[in-house]
Amino acid sequence: MFRPKQIAAAIALAVASAVAFAQTAGNGHGLFDHLLKKLDTNGDGKISQDEFLAGAAARFKTIDTQGKGSFTAADLAASPHAQNRMAGVAAALVKRIDTAGNGYITRDEFLAAAQKRFAKLDANGDGKLMPDEFRPQHYPRVGAQLDEAGGGHGAKHAQARFDKLDTNHDGTVSLDEYVAGASAMFAKLDPQNTGKVTAQQVANSPHALERDDAVAQHVVKKLDTNGDGVVSLDEYLAGAKTRFGRLDKNGDGYITADEAPAHHGPHAKPPVSG
């Protein structure tokens, strides 16, 4: 399954959805340094389109492990890079929430993080969340991933989360509802009722895998321009070329440090060979 780097504050469902929405953080220059190390083969301190596409071609091979010349959403989900990223995300999430430093998350820590997340989302401090407080920009990574895939899926995903939490169907999500959602999520992560959750449990949770499968499906749908259900090398490189054009803001044919994006989500822009 699709398991997707450094965690960002995007713990949806009150960290409860931490698994599904835990994201990687990093500033633009940190991302550029990462890309530079991977893609700047001639060592000139910037990334040309040829270098960018060469990196994308190399990444394609890690997804198309059977050498078919194309990949499906399932192939993308099962790629080693995706699995390694998810393991890193899960480990960073646990480290972030594990205030006691035990190497795992307790239920109390999980719910405390949920309460903090609720307070951040409750911009007007009225003790309840409205649908617009669940809009994708409050979950920058998952929103970017789903909206990057097209069709406004980030907004739809946010609305679905909201509807699930609004158990009394009054059009708002109270703190009690939000924390209840977190409690339910913790229970799913801890099926043996041990009272603690490890990074491995986070990475392998059904909720995380379902979310990542959805992202994989959306990514393939966007890149699959001929609609045959798979992404060919040509389609993948075409997506990479489009992505390069967006990053190369001044159009000089290179990506430089001042043009690097502020965020780098696990699978937000798969053509990037990062």
C-alpha atoms as a PDB file:
ATOM      1  CA  MET A   1       0.000   0.000   0.000  1.00  0.00           C
ATOM      2  CA  PHE A   2       0.993   3.607  -0.411  1.00  0.00           C
ATOM      3  CA  ARG A   3       3.058   4.479   2.661  1.00  0.00           C
ATOM      4  CA  PRO A   4       4.418   7.575   2.167  1.00  0.00           C
ATOM      5  CA  LYS A   5       9.327  13.601   5.303  1.00  0.00           C
ATOM      6  CA  GLN A   6      10.085  15.630   8.795  1.00  0.00           C
ATOM      7  CA  ILE A   7       6.730  16.378  10.375  1.00  0.00           C
ATOM      8  CA  ALA A   8       4.757  19.575   9.976  1.00  0.00           C
ATOM      9  CA  ALA A   9       1.883  20.752  12.074  1.00  0.00           C
ATOM     10  CA  ALA A  10      -0.861  19.093  10.134  1.00  0.00           C
ATOM     11  CA  ILE A  11      -2.337  16.614  12.517  1.00  0.00           C
ATOM     12  CA  ALA A  12      -5.851  16.329  11.208  1.00  0.00           C
ATOM     13  CA  LEU A  13      -8.587  14.856  13.307  1.00  0.00           C
ATOM     14  CA  ALA A  14      -6.804  16.128  16.288  1.00  0.00           C
ATOM     15  CA  VAL A  15      -3.657  14.253  15.739  1.00  0.00           C
ATOM     16  CA  ALA A  16      -6.118  11.501  15.590  1.00  0.00           C
ATOM     17  CA  SER A  17      -5.789  11.848  11.948  1.00  0.00           C
ATOM     18  CA  ALA A  18      -2.182  12.370  12.614  1.00  0.00           C
ATOM     19  CA  VAL A  19      -1.571   9.176  10.774  1.00  0.00           C
ATOM     20  CA  ALA A  20      -3.451  10.238   7.742  1.00  0.00           C
ATOM     21  CA  PHE A  21      -2.380  13.793   7.636  1.00  0.00           C
ATOM     22  CA  ALA A  22       0.925  13.919   9.434  1.00  0.00           C
ATOM     23  CA  GLN A  23       3.204  15.733   7.099  1.00  0.00           C
ATOM     24  CA  THR A  24       6.783  16.618   6.600  1.00  0.00           C
ATOM     25  CA  ALA A  25       8.072  20.080   7.147  1.00  0.00           C
ATOM     26  CA  GLY A  26      10.927  22.088   5.901  1.00  0.00           C
ATOM     27  CA  ASN A  27      11.717  25.515   4.551  1.00  0.00           C
ATOM     28  CA  GLY A  28      12.396  26.258   0.935  1.00  0.00           C
ATOM     29  CA  HIS A  29      16.176  26.298   1.252  1.00  0.00           C
ATOM     30  CA  GLY A  30      16.147  22.962   3.087  1.00  0.00           C
ATOM     31  CA  LEU A  31      14.195  21.437   0.236  1.00  0.00           C
ATOM     32  CA  PHE A  32      16.467  23.034  -2.349  1.00  0.00           C
ATOM     33  CA  ASP A  33      19.547  21.610  -0.630  1.00  0.00           C
ATOM     34  CA  HIS A  34      17.896  18.196  -0.721  1.00  0.00           C
ATOM     35  CA  LEU A  35      17.046  18.496  -4.411  1.00  0.00           C
ATOM     36  CA  LEU A  36      20.459  19.916  -5.212  1.00  0.00           C
ATOM     37  CA  LYS A  37      22.200  16.950  -3.643  1.00  0.00           C
ATOM     38  CA  LYS A  38      20.015  14.565  -5.614  1.00  0.00           C
ATOM     39  CA  LEU A  39      19.797  16.295  -8.974  1.00  0.00           C
ATOM     40  CA  ASP A  40      22.682  18.716  -9.500  1.00  0.00           C
ATOM     41  CA  THR A  41      24.930  16.284 -11.337  1.00  0.00           C
ATOM     42  CA  ASN A  42      27.301  18.923 -12.763  1.00  0.00           C
ATOM     43  CA  GLY A  43      27.759  20.669  -9.409  1.00  0.00           C
ATOM     44  CA  ASP A  44      26.930  24.201 -10.584  1.00  0.00           C
ATOM     45  CA  GLY A  45      24.657  24.930  -7.628  1.00  0.00           C
ATOM     46  CA  LYS A  46      21.419  24.926  -9.587  1.00  0.00           C
ATOM     47  CA  ILE A  47      19.124  22.397 -11.251  1.00  0.00           C
ATOM     48  CA  SER A  48      18.613  22.417 -15.007  1.00  0.00           C
ATOM     49  CA  GLN A  49      15.596  20.950 -16.731  1.00  0.00           C
ATOM     50  CA  ASP A  50      17.719  18.091 -18.068  1.00  0.00           C
ATOM     51  CA  GLU A  51      18.913  17.267 -14.555  1.00  0.00           C
ATOM     52  CA  PHE A  52      15.376  17.495 -13.239  1.00  0.00           C
ATOM     53  CA  LEU A  53      14.038  15.146 -15.914  1.00  0.00           C
ATOM     54  CA  ALA A  54      16.926  12.731 -15.430  1.00  0.00           C
ATOM     55  CA  GLY A  55      16.039  12.557 -11.757  1.00  0.00           C
ATOM     56  CA  ALA A  56      12.396  11.951 -12.628  1.00  0.00           C
ATOM     57  CA  ALA A  57      13.375   9.143 -15.001  1.00  0.00           C
ATOM     58  CA  ALA A  58      15.431   7.534 -12.241  1.00  0.00           C
ATOM     59  CA  ARG A  59      12.491   7.821  -9.841  1.00  0.00           C
ATOM     60  CA  PHE A  60      10.205   6.235 -12.436  1.00  0.00           C
ATOM     61  CA  LYS A  61      12.409   3.142 -12.469  1.00  0.00           C
ATOM     62  CA  THR A  62      12.039   2.776  -8.686  1.00  0.00           C
ATOM     63  CA  ILE A  63       8.266   2.715  -9.124  1.00  0.00           C
ATOM     64  CA  ASP A  64       8.180   0.547 -12.249  1.00  0.00           C
ATOM     65  CA  THR A  65      10.107  -2.237 -10.565  1.00  0.00           C
ATOM     66  CA  GLN A  66       8.957  -4.833 -13.084  1.00  0.00           C
ATOM     67  CA  GLY A  67      10.191  -2.853 -16.072  1.00  0.00           C
ATOM     68  CA  LYS A  68       6.781  -2.658 -17.714  1.00  0.00           C
ATOM     69  CA  GLY A  69       7.335   0.873 -18.963  1.00  0.00           C
ATOM     70  CA  SER A  70       4.398   2.101 -16.908  1.00  0.00           C
ATOM     71  CA  PHE A  71       3.020   1.956 -13.382  1.00  0.00           C
ATOM     72  CA  THR A  72      -0.356   1.765 -11.683  1.00  0.00           C
ATOM     73  CA  ALA A  73      -1.527   3.389  -8.477  1.00  0.00           C
ATOM     74  CA  ALA A  74      -0.758   0.126  -6.709  1.00  0.00           C
ATOM     75  CA  ASP A  75       2.806   0.192  -8.043  1.00  0.00           C
ATOM     76  CA  LEU A  76       3.220   3.749  -6.837  1.00  0.00           C
ATOM     77  CA  ALA A  77       1.830   2.825  -3.441  1.00  0.00           C
ATOM     78  CA  ALA A  78       4.149  -0.127  -3.066  1.00  0.00           C
ATOM     79  CA  SER A  79       7.337   1.583  -4.209  1.00  0.00           C
ATOM     80  CA  PRO A  80      10.268   1.358  -1.770  1.00  0.00           C
ATOM     81  CA  HIS A  81      10.614   5.133  -1.664  1.00  0.00           C
ATOM     82  CA  ALA A  82       6.967   5.524  -0.640  1.00  0.00           C
ATOM     83  CA  GLN A  83       7.327   2.950   2.104  1.00  0.00           C
ATOM     84  CA  ASN A  84      10.514   4.515   3.445  1.00  0.00           C
ATOM     85  CA  ARG A  85       8.918   7.941   3.496  1.00  0.00           C
ATOM     86  CA  MET A  86       5.952   6.711   5.499  1.00  0.00           C
ATOM     87  CA  ALA A  87       8.264   5.113   8.015  1.00  0.00           C
ATOM     88  CA  GLY A  88      10.071   8.436   8.384  1.00  0.00           C
ATOM     89  CA  VAL A  89       6.821  10.353   8.743  1.00  0.00           C
ATOM     90  CA  ALA A  90       5.562   7.965  11.393  1.00  0.00           C
ATOM     91  CA  ALA A  91       8.798   8.122  13.378  1.00  0.00           C
ATOM     92  CA  ALA A  92       8.813  11.913  13.305  1.00  0.00           C
ATOM     93  CA  LEU A  93       5.160  12.039  14.346  1.00  0.00           C
ATOM     94  CA  VAL A  94       5.762   9.840  17.342  1.00  0.00           C
ATOM     95  CA  LYS A  95       8.778  11.916  18.345  1.00  0.00           C
ATOM     96  CA  ARG A  96       6.691  15.078  18.113  1.00  0.00           C
ATOM     97  CA  ILE A  97       3.794  13.854  20.250  1.00  0.00           C
ATOM     98  CA  ASP A  98       5.796  11.709  22.674  1.00  0.00           C
ATOM     99  CA  THR A  99       6.326  14.413  25.296  1.00  0.00           C
ATOM    100  CA  ALA A 100       7.574  11.889  27.860  1.00  0.00           C
ATOM    101  CA  GLY A 101      10.279  10.629  25.533  1.00  0.00           C
ATOM    102  CA  ASN A 102       9.316   6.979  25.843  1.00  0.00           C
ATOM    103  CA  GLY A 103       9.549   6.205  22.163  1.00  0.00           C
ATOM    104  CA  TYR A 104       5.812   5.744  21.792  1.00  0.00           C
ATOM    105  CA  ILE A 105       2.604   7.769  22.086  1.00  0.00           C
ATOM    106  CA  THR A 106       0.222   7.257  24.989  1.00  0.00           C
ATOM    107  CA  ARG A 107      -3.491   7.909  24.782  1.00  0.00           C
ATOM    108  CA  ASP A 108      -3.147  10.975  27.037  1.00  0.00           C
ATOM    109  CA  GLU A 109      -0.424  12.414  24.798  1.00  0.00           C
ATOM    110  CA  PHE A 110      -2.535  11.737  21.719  1.00  0.00           C
ATOM    111  CA  LEU A 111      -5.590  13.484  23.147  1.00  0.00           C
ATOM    112  CA  ALA A 112      -3.509  16.391  24.471  1.00  0.00           C
ATOM    113  CA  ALA A 113      -2.166  16.922  20.971  1.00  0.00           C
ATOM    114  CA  ALA A 114      -5.726  16.791  19.650  1.00  0.00           C
ATOM    115  CA  GLN A 115      -6.793  19.543  22.037  1.00  0.00           C
ATOM    116  CA  LYS A 116      -3.889  21.726  20.948  1.00  0.00           C
ATOM    117  CA  ARG A 117      -4.735  21.135  17.317  1.00  0.00           C
ATOM    118  CA  PHE A 118      -8.355  22.060  17.931  1.00  0.00           C
ATOM    119  CA  ALA A 119      -7.293  25.339  19.526  1.00  0.00           C
ATOM    120  CA  LYS A 120      -5.166  26.172  16.486  1.00  0.00           C
ATOM    121  CA  LEU A 121      -8.005  25.431  14.093  1.00  0.00           C
ATOM    122  CA  ASP A 122     -10.530  27.375  16.177  1.00  0.00           C
ATOM    123  CA  ALA A 123      -9.366  30.721  14.853  1.00  0.00           C
ATOM    124  CA  ASN A 124     -12.134  32.795  16.421  1.00  0.00           C
ATOM    125  CA  GLY A 125     -11.980  31.000  19.770  1.00  0.00           C
ATOM    126  CA  ASP A 126     -15.705  30.236  19.940  1.00  0.00           C
ATOM    127  CA  GLY A 127     -15.159  26.633  21.009  1.00  0.00           C
ATOM    128  CA  LYS A 128     -16.407  25.077  17.796  1.00  0.00           C
ATOM    129  CA  LEU A 129     -15.159  24.507  14.302  1.00  0.00           C
ATOM    130  CA  MET A 130     -16.991  25.462  11.134  1.00  0.00           C
ATOM    131  CA  PRO A 131     -16.448  23.778   7.742  1.00  0.00           C
ATOM    132  CA  ASP A 132     -14.264  26.627   6.511  1.00  0.00           C
ATOM    133  CA  GLU A 133     -11.868  25.965   9.390  1.00  0.00           C
ATOM    134  CA  PHE A 134     -11.257  22.542   7.847  1.00  0.00           C
ATOM    135  CA  ARG A 135     -10.344  23.902   4.437  1.00  0.00           C
ATOM    136  CA  PRO A 136      -7.233  22.354   2.807  1.00  0.00           C
ATOM    137  CA  GLN A 137      -4.888  25.216   3.685  1.00  0.00           C
ATOM    138  CA  HIS A 138      -5.189  24.184   7.340  1.00  0.00           C
ATOM    139  CA  TYR A 139      -3.726  20.845   6.295  1.00  0.00           C
ATOM    140  CA  PRO A 140      -1.138  22.095   3.783  1.00  0.00           C
ATOM    141  CA  ARG A 141       0.434  18.784   2.867  1.00  0.00           C
ATOM    142  CA  VAL A 142      -2.590  16.573   2.372  1.00  0.00           C
ATOM    143  CA  GLY A 143      -4.505  19.435   0.794  1.00  0.00           C
ATOM    144  CA  ALA A 144      -1.650  20.072  -1.614  1.00  0.00           C
ATOM    145  CA  GLN A 145      -1.358  16.408  -2.471  1.00  0.00           C
ATOM    146  CA  LEU A 146      -5.042  15.959  -3.214  1.00  0.00           C
ATOM    147  CA  ASP A 147      -5.527  19.291  -4.959  1.00  0.00           C
ATOM    148  CA  GLU A 148      -2.359  18.732  -6.968  1.00  0.00           C
ATOM    149  CA  ALA A 149      -4.053  15.594  -8.224  1.00  0.00           C
ATOM    150  CA  GLY A 150      -6.909  17.688  -9.548  1.00  0.00           C
ATOM    151  CA  GLY A 151     -10.641  17.868  -9.058  1.00  0.00           C
ATOM    152  CA  GLY A 152     -10.642  19.815  -5.805  1.00  0.00           C
ATOM    153  CA  HIS A 153     -10.036  16.662  -3.811  1.00  0.00           C
ATOM    154  CA  GLY A 154      -8.365  18.590  -0.996  1.00  0.00           C
ATOM    155  CA  ALA A 155     -11.602  20.457  -0.249  1.00  0.00           C
ATOM    156  CA  LYS A 156     -13.647  17.270  -0.568  1.00  0.00           C
ATOM    157  CA  HIS A 157     -11.294  15.454   1.778  1.00  0.00           C
ATOM    158  CA  ALA A 158     -11.566  18.237   4.350  1.00  0.00           C
ATOM    159  CA  GLN A 159     -15.369  18.189   4.154  1.00  0.00           C
ATOM    160  CA  ALA A 160     -15.433  14.435   4.592  1.00  0.00           C
ATOM    161  CA  ARG A 161     -13.298  14.755   7.738  1.00  0.00           C
ATOM    162  CA  PHE A 162     -15.599  17.449   9.057  1.00  0.00           C
ATOM    163  CA  ASP A 163     -18.757  15.434   8.426  1.00  0.00           C
ATOM    164  CA  LYS A 164     -17.293  12.414  10.190  1.00  0.00           C
ATOM    165  CA  LEU A 165     -16.429  14.429  13.290  1.00  0.00           C
ATOM    166  CA  ASP A 166     -19.757  16.275  13.433  1.00  0.00           C
ATOM    167  CA  THR A 167     -21.544  13.396  15.128  1.00  0.00           C
ATOM    168  CA  ASN A 168     -24.621  15.391  16.201  1.00  0.00           C
ATOM    169  CA  HIS A 169     -24.968  16.884  12.701  1.00  0.00           C
ATOM    170  CA  ASP A 170     -25.376  20.460  13.880  1.00  0.00           C
ATOM    171  CA  GLY A 171     -22.992  21.828  11.275  1.00  0.00           C
ATOM    172  CA  THR A 172     -20.163  22.439  13.740  1.00  0.00           C
ATOM    173  CA  VAL A 173     -17.480  20.347  15.445  1.00  0.00           C
ATOM    174  CA  SER A 174     -17.129  20.875  19.176  1.00  0.00           C
ATOM    175  CA  LEU A 175     -14.008  20.173  21.211  1.00  0.00           C
ATOM    176  CA  ASP A 176     -15.716  17.102  22.647  1.00  0.00           C
ATOM    177  CA  GLU A 177     -16.457  15.780  19.154  1.00  0.00           C
ATOM    178  CA  TYR A 178     -12.941  16.512  17.998  1.00  0.00           C
ATOM    179  CA  VAL A 179     -11.352  14.745  20.965  1.00  0.00           C
ATOM    180  CA  ALA A 180     -13.793  11.863  20.615  1.00  0.00           C
ATOM    181  CA  GLY A 181     -12.607  11.456  17.056  1.00  0.00           C
ATOM    182  CA  ALA A 182      -9.026  11.409  18.297  1.00  0.00           C
ATOM    183  CA  SER A 183      -9.904   8.830  20.913  1.00  0.00           C
ATOM    184  CA  ALA A 184     -11.500   6.615  18.281  1.00  0.00           C
ATOM    185  CA  MET A 185      -8.459   6.970  16.091  1.00  0.00           C
ATOM    186  CA  PHE A 186      -6.134   6.013  18.930  1.00  0.00           C
ATOM    187  CA  ALA A 187      -8.222   2.908  19.538  1.00  0.00           C
ATOM    188  CA  LYS A 188      -7.773   1.906  15.896  1.00  0.00           C
ATOM    189  CA  LEU A 189      -4.039   2.448  16.142  1.00  0.00           C
ATOM    190  CA  ASP A 190      -3.904   0.408  19.350  1.00  0.00           C
ATOM    191  CA  PRO A 191      -6.095  -2.642  18.594  1.00  0.00           C
ATOM    192  CA  GLN A 192      -4.499  -4.637  21.418  1.00  0.00           C
ATOM    193  CA  ASN A 193      -5.428  -1.914  23.903  1.00  0.00           C
ATOM    194  CA  THR A 194      -1.898  -1.572  25.230  1.00  0.00           C
ATOM    195  CA  GLY A 195      -2.304   2.152  25.848  1.00  0.00           C
ATOM    196  CA  LYS A 196       0.577   3.062  23.583  1.00  0.00           C
ATOM    197  CA  VAL A 197       1.223   3.446  19.868  1.00  0.00           C
ATOM    198  CA  THR A 198       4.562   3.011  18.123  1.00  0.00           C
ATOM    199  CA  ALA A 199       5.794   4.470  14.853  1.00  0.00           C
ATOM    200  CA  GLN A 200       5.355   1.094  13.188  1.00  0.00           C
ATOM    201  CA  GLN A 201       1.710   1.003  14.201  1.00  0.00           C
ATOM    202  CA  VAL A 202       1.223   4.489  12.805  1.00  0.00           C
ATOM    203  CA  ALA A 203       2.872   3.595   9.497  1.00  0.00           C
ATOM    204  CA  ASN A 204       0.873   0.395   9.082  1.00  0.00           C
ATOM    205  CA  SER A 205      -2.494   1.683  10.249  1.00  0.00           C
ATOM    206  CA  PRO A 206      -5.451   1.158   7.868  1.00  0.00           C
ATOM    207  CA  HIS A 207      -6.278   4.851   8.098  1.00  0.00           C
ATOM    208  CA  ALA A 208      -2.846   5.867   6.847  1.00  0.00           C
ATOM    209  CA  LEU A 209      -2.875   3.290   4.092  1.00  0.00           C
ATOM    210  CA  GLU A 210      -6.347   4.265   2.910  1.00  0.00           C
ATOM    211  CA  ARG A 211      -5.385   7.910   2.753  1.00  0.00           C
ATOM    212  CA  ASP A 212      -2.212   7.145   0.866  1.00  0.00           C
ATOM    213  CA  ASP A 213      -3.984   4.865  -1.559  1.00  0.00           C
ATOM    214  CA  ALA A 214      -6.356   7.734  -2.317  1.00  0.00           C
ATOM    215  CA  VAL A 215      -3.439  10.041  -2.994  1.00  0.00           C
ATOM    216  CA  ALA A 216      -1.867   7.439  -5.282  1.00  0.00           C
ATOM    217  CA  GLN A 217      -5.082   7.090  -7.238  1.00  0.00           C
ATOM    218  CA  HIS A 218      -5.367  10.855  -7.672  1.00  0.00           C
ATOM    219  CA  VAL A 219      -1.740  11.195  -8.732  1.00  0.00           C
ATOM    220  CA  VAL A 220      -2.114   8.499 -11.363  1.00  0.00           C
ATOM    221  CA  LYS A 221      -5.350  10.029 -12.590  1.00  0.00           C
ATOM    222  CA  LYS A 222      -3.649  13.361 -13.135  1.00  0.00           C
ATOM    223  CA  LEU A 223      -0.540  12.011 -14.854  1.00  0.00           C
ATOM    224  CA  ASP A 224      -2.413   9.463 -16.967  1.00  0.00           C
ATOM    225  CA  THR A 225      -3.242  11.817 -19.832  1.00  0.00           C
ATOM    226  CA  ASN A 226      -4.416   9.112 -22.249  1.00  0.00           C
ATOM    227  CA  GLY A 227      -6.762   7.564 -19.703  1.00  0.00           C
ATOM    228  CA  ASP A 228      -5.520   3.987 -19.922  1.00  0.00           C
ATOM    229  CA  GLY A 229      -5.225   3.629 -16.146  1.00  0.00           C
ATOM    230  CA  VAL A 230      -1.441   3.583 -15.994  1.00  0.00           C
ATOM    231  CA  VAL A 231       1.337   6.178 -16.119  1.00  0.00           C
ATOM    232  CA  SER A 232       3.915   5.691 -18.843  1.00  0.00           C
ATOM    233  CA  LEU A 233       7.452   7.056 -18.741  1.00  0.00           C
ATOM    234  CA  ASP A 234       6.490   9.723 -21.294  1.00  0.00           C
ATOM    235  CA  GLU A 235       3.518  10.800 -19.160  1.00  0.00           C
ATOM    236  CA  TYR A 236       5.648  10.839 -16.035  1.00  0.00           C
ATOM    237  CA  LEU A 237       8.309  12.984 -17.692  1.00  0.00           C
ATOM    238  CA  ALA A 238       5.652  15.300 -19.100  1.00  0.00           C
ATOM    239  CA  GLY A 239       4.400  15.808 -15.536  1.00  0.00           C
ATOM    240  CA  ALA A 240       7.960  16.425 -14.382  1.00  0.00           C
ATOM    241  CA  LYS A 241       8.484  18.984 -17.146  1.00  0.00           C
ATOM    242  CA  THR A 242       5.315  20.811 -16.102  1.00  0.00           C
ATOM    243  CA  ARG A 243       6.462  20.768 -12.482  1.00  0.00           C
ATOM    244  CA  PHE A 244       9.855  22.129 -13.480  1.00  0.00           C
ATOM    245  CA  GLY A 245       8.173  25.004 -15.302  1.00  0.00           C
ATOM    246  CA  ARG A 246       6.256  25.898 -12.149  1.00  0.00           C
ATOM    247  CA  LEU A 247       9.381  25.841 -10.018  1.00  0.00           C
ATOM    248  CA  ASP A 248      11.459  27.807 -12.532  1.00  0.00           C
ATOM    249  CA  LYS A 249       9.653  31.046 -11.724  1.00  0.00           C
ATOM    250  CA  ASN A 250      11.887  33.353 -13.776  1.00  0.00           C
ATOM    251  CA  GLY A 251      11.933  31.025 -16.766  1.00  0.00           C
ATOM    252  CA  ASP A 252      15.709  30.931 -17.124  1.00  0.00           C
ATOM    253  CA  GLY A 253      15.822  27.153 -17.408  1.00  0.00           C
ATOM    254  CA  TYR A 254      17.147  26.510 -13.895  1.00  0.00           C
ATOM    255  CA  ILE A 255      15.781  26.028 -10.400  1.00  0.00           C
ATOM    256  CA  THR A 256      17.712  28.067  -7.851  1.00  0.00           C
ATOM    257  CA  ALA A 257      17.474  28.371  -4.071  1.00  0.00           C
ATOM    258  CA  ASP A 258      15.121  31.347  -4.172  1.00  0.00           C
ATOM    259  CA  GLU A 259      12.704  29.429  -6.399  1.00  0.00           C
ATOM    260  CA  ALA A 260      12.424  26.321  -4.205  1.00  0.00           C
ATOM    261  CA  PRO A 261       8.915  25.705  -2.789  1.00  0.00           C
ATOM    262  CA  ALA A 262       8.270  26.203   0.907  1.00  0.00           C
ATOM    263  CA  HIS A 263       6.940  22.695   1.420  1.00  0.00           C
ATOM    264  CA  HIS A 264       7.815  19.271   0.234  1.00  0.00           C
ATOM    265  CA  GLY A 265       5.042  16.747   0.858  1.00  0.00           C
ATOM    266  CA  PRO A 266       5.521  13.011   0.648  1.00  0.00           C
ATOM    267  CA  HIS A 267       3.864  12.534  -2.711  1.00  0.00           C
ATOM    268  CA  ALA A 268       2.638  15.962  -3.561  1.00  0.00           C
ATOM    269  CA  LYS A 269       4.740  16.255  -6.687  1.00  0.00           C
ATOM    270  CA  PRO A 270       5.853  12.775  -7.688  1.00  0.00           C
ATOM    271  CA  PRO A 271       7.729  13.895 -10.810  1.00  0.00           C
ATOM    272  CA  VAL A 272      10.257  15.601  -8.533  1.00  0.00           C
ATOM    273  CA  SER A 273      13.026  13.153  -7.880  1.00  0.00           C
ATOM    274  CA  GLY A 274      13.592  14.155  -4.296  1.00  0.00           C
END
